[in-house]
Amino acid sequence: MAEEKCMCKRRTLRSDKDKKSLLNRLKRIEGQVRGIINMVEQDAYCNDVLIQSAAVNAAMNAFNRELLSAHIHNCVADDIRNGKDEVIDELMLTLQKLMK
């Protein structure tokens, strides 16, 4: 299996603890999504599928909050300290996308 490369221009170095926490959240979400796929394949009742879908949305929101907090405390704060105020505009665009 070929290693996937990040097409991102910038990178964030995370501690092993932080990376593990984020990856664990994503893997749980992945499992929830697989569960929903199975539910649809097995013709589960719409309301039951919707409840599980809402749970995935809540889990993604929790992931986003954790990642956003780390981003603001580390990346954004460091850039502002280094005079890179354009990071504020980048953050505002990100917040607008998260709030859709």
Protein backbone atom coordinates (compact mmCIF):
# COMPACT_ATOMS: atom_id res chain seq x y z
CA MET A 1 0.00 0.00 0.00
CA ALA A 2 1.47 3.35 -1.03
CA GLU A 3 1.96 5.92 1.68
CA GLU A 4 -0.41 8.87 1.32
CA LYS A 5 1.22 12.28 1.28
CA CYS A 6 -0.38 15.38 2.71
CA MET A 7 -1.05 17.96 0.03
CA CYS A 8 -1.12 20.68 2.71
CA LYS A 9 1.23 23.62 2.35
CA ARG A 10 1.67 23.97 6.10
CA ARG A 11 2.07 21.34 8.78
CA THR A 12 1.36 21.15 12.49
CA LEU A 13 3.61 19.10 14.71
CA ARG A 14 1.53 17.47 17.44
CA SER A 15 2.60 15.62 20.52
CA ASP A 16 2.10 11.86 20.45
CA LYS A 17 -0.60 12.27 23.12
CA ASP A 18 -2.53 14.89 21.12
CA LYS A 19 -2.22 12.93 17.88
CA LYS A 20 -3.42 9.75 19.60
CA SER A 21 -6.43 11.57 21.07
CA LEU A 22 -7.45 13.01 17.69
CA LEU A 23 -6.94 9.72 15.89
CA ASN A 24 -8.94 7.80 18.51
CA ARG A 25 -11.86 10.21 18.05
CA LEU A 26 -11.70 9.83 14.27
CA LYS A 27 -11.54 6.03 14.47
CA ARG A 28 -14.62 5.98 16.70
CA ILE A 29 -16.42 8.22 14.20
CA GLU A 30 -15.32 5.95 11.37
CA GLY A 31 -16.84 3.01 13.25
CA GLN A 32 -20.07 4.94 13.74
CA VAL A 33 -20.24 5.72 10.02
CA ARG A 34 -19.65 2.05 9.16
CA GLY A 35 -22.53 1.25 11.51
CA ILE A 36 -24.79 3.64 9.65
CA ILE A 37 -23.77 2.09 6.34
CA ASN A 38 -24.76 -1.31 7.72
CA MET A 39 -28.05 0.08 8.95
CA VAL A 40 -28.89 1.44 5.49
CA GLU A 41 -27.83 -1.82 3.83
CA GLN A 42 -30.11 -3.72 6.23
CA ASP A 43 -33.04 -1.35 5.64
CA ALA A 44 -33.07 -0.06 9.23
CA TYR A 45 -35.90 2.25 10.26
CA CYS A 46 -35.25 5.83 9.09
CA ASN A 47 -35.54 7.32 12.56
CA ASP A 48 -32.92 4.92 13.93
CA VAL A 49 -30.52 5.87 11.12
CA LEU A 50 -31.16 9.56 11.71
CA ILE A 51 -30.37 9.20 15.42
CA GLN A 52 -27.07 7.52 14.60
CA SER A 53 -26.32 10.20 12.01
CA ALA A 54 -26.93 12.88 14.64
CA ALA A 55 -24.48 11.06 16.92
CA VAL A 56 -21.84 11.19 14.18
CA ASN A 57 -22.45 14.92 13.74
CA ALA A 58 -22.04 15.47 17.47
CA ALA A 59 -18.84 13.42 17.48
CA MET A 60 -17.43 15.44 14.55
CA ASN A 61 -18.34 18.67 16.34
CA ALA A 62 -16.46 17.47 19.42
CA PHE A 63 -13.46 16.59 17.23
CA ASN A 64 -13.59 20.04 15.61
CA ARG A 65 -13.77 21.78 18.99
CA GLU A 66 -10.72 19.88 20.25
CA LEU A 67 -8.71 20.58 17.10
CA LEU A 68 -9.81 24.23 16.93
CA SER A 69 -8.81 24.82 20.53
CA ALA A 70 -5.36 23.36 19.92
CA HIS A 71 -5.05 25.41 16.72
CA ILE A 72 -5.89 28.68 18.46
CA HIS A 73 -3.68 28.00 21.47
CA ASN A 74 -0.69 26.90 19.40
CA CYS A 75 -0.65 27.84 15.72
CA VAL A 76 -2.68 31.06 15.84
CA ALA A 77 -1.07 32.36 19.03
CA ASP A 78 2.44 31.62 17.71
CA ASP A 79 1.73 33.32 14.37
CA ILE A 80 0.33 36.43 16.09
CA ARG A 81 3.36 36.59 18.39
CA ASN A 82 5.55 36.41 15.28
CA GLY A 83 3.69 39.30 13.61
CA LYS A 84 1.71 37.14 11.16
CA ASP A 85 -1.64 38.82 11.74
CA GLU A 86 -3.04 37.35 8.49
CA VAL A 87 -3.66 34.19 10.53
CA ILE A 88 -6.66 36.01 12.04
CA ASP A 89 -8.33 36.23 8.62
CA GLU A 90 -7.56 32.55 8.03
CA LEU A 91 -9.12 31.68 11.40
CA MET A 92 -12.23 33.72 10.62
CA LEU A 93 -12.70 31.88 7.30
CA THR A 94 -12.30 28.57 9.10
CA LEU A 95 -14.87 29.56 11.74
CA GLN A 96 -17.32 30.61 9.02
CA LYS A 97 -16.97 27.18 7.38
CA LEU A 98 -17.42 25.38 10.70
CA MET A 99 -20.58 27.35 11.48
CA LYS A 100 -22.42 26.52 8.24
